[in-house]
Structure formats: structure tokens, C-alpha cells
């Protein structure tokens, strides 16, 4: 049975004799060889499955020794730049059509599914990185004694690293290859994520997380470009949408691990007061495992054949395509099927144009020429539209990162409503060896009292006096002494210091062996288990949206799904404003996540199909970088307003989502596109 590619063979032979980009058949004609090379056999010898067939010849248009160059076209050096660019564009269009036929012959099977799971691990690592920020934010800032003025920088600095990483690694993948860049970027992420769990200072922790974010920033643009280049057109929308599900799996993994690890304060050790390794650090190490797994699995996968063709590496591309074909055919139980392709179009290389036109130019001019050529190849209109839409969808990041704090504030408000107020009390010669919690002591007097092995939890003393009192092994969390007086009192191994003695007087009293660092236990969290479980539910709510988008992506179209999803998610986000209880907020969060994920999937597919192969990583990386920039801004907005008001960030997110959905409808429809 002839393949779709063979139906085009006669046309390719005629073109090959004129253009010289295919291996010519002159030698075959002279030796009396058969012309049906695409059938995988000749007239005399039959090639059996498993027998080495060799790489088809590719002479790059050079005349063989002893061969007369009759009818040769005009040399490239005599052509104008515009003519060369037109020829390259024609080559690109011909390669796109031919490559689509080749992928149809290779089929969709075991190789694509293997690559699907390997790249899925990389995408899962990106989802984990996003959720790690929100989960460790309260714990890390408490553990490292971060003041309120520094709160929120952890979330912002990670997205800042991801922003630069997306553009850097995406652009680099167009030059050195998808696999190579993804391996390096994931290795950077894994190493610095692991290292961040051991550093003690907040500044070093921020630096490690920023470099870790820089590494993982390359995951999204490279993963989607890589996978799209081994998919046929009719499979592309659906399977790219299925690939998006790994981002959700990363969120579920991070939520489950946070729920299982962080609240267990006993999972920690210390070396004196200088080195503390709390359970949230164990969580950071566990979250680096998907990245390590992706790096190991990726070493066994080949480079993208489409990238090889784009860079003029015909033989390497042919070998990879043959590997894809043979892997899928063996899985189907048809090992006898032979890969029939032996000639693949190679577009004229841009670097060759640069060298031809700038042989005497200095290196700086050559670099500028290349940059101008790159920018010329990217459509400003489509790039701006994609960036606008991705900035709108990036509001998801702000909500995801700061939602744990929103829940904590709701819980804190409820907790504060149950505070007990004691006025004008006088307590003498009493031993406190238990926890005092959620109280306000006003105008009270404590005389000859002992506070031993106890804790003040959210206790405020106002205008109170402590006379001849003894404090030993005392911890105070969320507690303070305002306008109080201490006379003839003794403090040993406590954390009561100047930061908690606000406008207070200390007379003839002494402090010995004070505790250093921030006193942190997860018993002090109002409901750590509940916060992580809520995020687990919110991430799990994405599953229905993922399934729907995958099944309908190629049926109703990318743009319809994009616009509808963003408008609906914007409306659901607006109703978060009316959430006055935890249950209401949780329900609306799940609804918002379920509706918005289809927009994410649509944007990923559209952006992948929108750019040509030689600029796909650059274009996708640029759009993703703009998305992360918006995430930084949204993160800072939520960080400054989450404890004050939720109306402004929610209204802002809702309005830009709806507006972005309307703008997204103006993007070009890429459903019928072949990969240029």
C-alpha cells in the first residue's frame, strides 16, 4: 500500500533535478538503478525489517565530481536579499506540507505517548513550582523572621525568574535544540530548588528560588513546541490539551505533599540555634522530585526532527523520523512496514544569507542583522494579542499564590471574634504552666506569679503590671505587652524581647539566655491542614475543564473556547467578592479554576501553532514572559491588599479576564494550520 507521501514523489523528483536540495538521481540512472526508492526496495533485493538501509544521500545542491553542471540555476551570491527570502519562504511552505505527510505516515502511537509522559513531567514541575510558592510563603517568612514589609517578595521573585527564563530558554531552544535546552533548564531548576531547602538566610533563599524559577521558566515554551513538532495536524489540538493536564497534576501533587508534610512540625531537626530544618524544607525537597525525574527521562528521548530540518540537519532528522515510524509500527504489530521517506526538503539557512551578505562586515553588524531578521519574522499584531490574552489569564497566578493567605485571614477574623477580654484582674502567687490563648488583659496586676514552660498565643497585655514575677521557658506567638510595667522580674529562656515590649517599662529586671530566631510551630496555624486541603480541592476542580477542552479543542475551535472560557471565568471571579465565608470562597474558587483552565489550554495551543518553527520557542517564550510579568504585578497587588480589602484585586482580575476574552476572539484561527 502506497503512503500519502509517495503520492507526491513524482513532483519532488522533478523539483530535485532543478533545485538540487534533494539527492539527485543521476547516479541511479547511470547505474541502471531503480527509481522506486520510496518503496523501501529495489528490483533485485528486498529489504527486510531490521536490515540497515542507510541514510538517504543529501548533497546540498553540490555538483558531483565529473558531472556537468548543465541547467544549473543562478548562484545564490548573484541573487538579491528579497529573492533569497522568497525562496526560503517557498522552501518553508513546501517543507510544512511535506512534513505533515511524513507525520501521517509515522502515525500516532507509542513514541508520542512516551514523549507525552516525559514532557508531562517537565510541565508538572512548572505547576509544582507555582504552588510551592504559595504553600511555603507563610511558613518560610515566619521561620526566617521576615517582617511584614518583606512579605510577598518570595512569590514575586520566583515569577521574576520565570519571566526571564521563559524568554531566554525559549529563544535559545530555536538555536541549539528543544531537548538540549529543556535538559539544561530543568537541571538548573532542580539543583537550585534542592539547594534552597538548606539555606538559612531569607536573602539566599530568595536568590535560590529566583534562579530555580529562571530554570523552570523554559519548561512551558519548550515543552509545547517540542511536542507539537511530532504531532500530525488532526491530533495536535487534542493532545496538546491532554498535555496541559500535567500542570494540574503538578498542583495536586504539591497540595497533597503540603497537606501531608508541612503541618508535621516533628519532621524537623536543628543544630543549635543557628541551623533549623523545619518540615516546610522537607516539602521543598520532595517538590523537586518531578524535575529530577523529567531530567532523567528526557536523556532517553531524541531531538525534535522538525528542529533538525529547520537547521539543515537532514540526516539527523531522517534518523529520528525513522525511529518514530519504526517504534509506532512495532507497537501496532506491523514491524514489516518500512519507512518510505528518503528525501526531505531543507529550507535555505538564514546564517548562510548572513554570511553571503556580510562577508566583510564586522561581527556587531552580523549580530544586528540576525536580530532584525528574527524580529521581522514575528508578527507584531499576533504577538501583542497573545501577550494581552496571557496577561489576562495570568491573574490566575495571583489568586493561586495568595489564596492560602485569604483563607488564613478569614480564619483569623473568625478567631478574633472569639477573643476573651479581661479587665482589672489581680492575680497573686499563681503558677501558669499552660497555654493562654486569644485573650486581652487590660489593667491587670500580676504579683509573685510564675510563668513556667508555657505559651502566650495571641494574647495582648495592655496597661498591666508584673511585680516580682518569674518567666522560664516561655514562648509568645502573636502576643505583645503594650504600656506594661515589669518590676523585679526575672526572664530565662524566653522569646520576650524589645519587639514585644511596646512602650513598656522594665525596672530592676533581667533577661538571661533568650531564645533566638522565630518561634514557629504549626500548632499556631489556625488550620494548616484545612488550607492545603482547600488548595487540593481547587486544583482537582480543574480536571473537568481539562477533559472538556481536550475533547472539544478540535471540534469547536481554539478561539471559541478561549473567549468563552475567559468571559465565564471572569464572571465567576467577580462573585469571589461576595464570599463572606470559607465555604462560599472555596466553592467559587473551584468554579473559577474549572472554567479558566480551558482558556489556558486554548492559549497554549494557539501560541504553539501561531509561530514558525525557527521562531516558535522565541515567540512562545516572549508571550509566556509577559504572562509572568503580569503575575508579578498581580502578586504584589494581592500581597498589599489581601489583608485590607479583596474588592480591588478581584474586580481588577475579573475585568481583565472578560476584556481578554473579547480580545482573544481577534486572534487568527490556527486550527487548519500546518506547522510552518
Foldseek 3Di string as FASTA:
>chain_A
DDAPLVVCVVVVQVVCVAAVFWDHCPVCVVVVWDPQLLQVDTPPDHDFQPDDPDAFDGDRNDDDPPDDPPNHDDDPLPDDPVVQVVQLVVLQVVQLVSLLSLLVLLPDFDQLVLLLVLLLLLLLLVLLLLLLLQLCQVVLCQQQVPDLVPRLVLNLLLLLLLLQLLQVLLQVCLPPFLLVSLLVLLVQLLVLLLVLLFDRHPVSNSVSSSSNSSSSSNSQLSSLLQSQLSDRLVQNLLSLLVSNVSSLVSLLVLLVLSLVFQQPQVPWDADPQPGTRGRSSVSSNVSSVSSVSSSVSSVPADTRLVSCLAQPNSRSSVVNSQVSSQVRCVVVVRSRDHNSDNTGRHRDHPVVVLCSVAVPPDPVVSVVVVVVVLVVQDDPVQLVLLLLLLLLLLLVSQCSSCVLVLVLLLLVVVLLVPAAEAEAAEAECEEAQEEDERYEYEQYEYYNYEYEPYEYALYEYYQYEYELYEYENYEYHNYAYAQYEYENYEAEAYQDDPVRDHNYYYYNYDYYHYRDGRDDHSVSRSCSSVSSVLSSLLSVLQVVLSVVLSVCCLPPALLVLQLQLLLQLLVLLLCCQVDNHPVSNSVSSSVSNNSSSSNVSSSSSCLSQVHASSCSSNSSSNSSSSSSVSNSVSSVVCSVPSNPHDNVSSNVSSVSSNVSSVSSSPNDGRSPPRRD
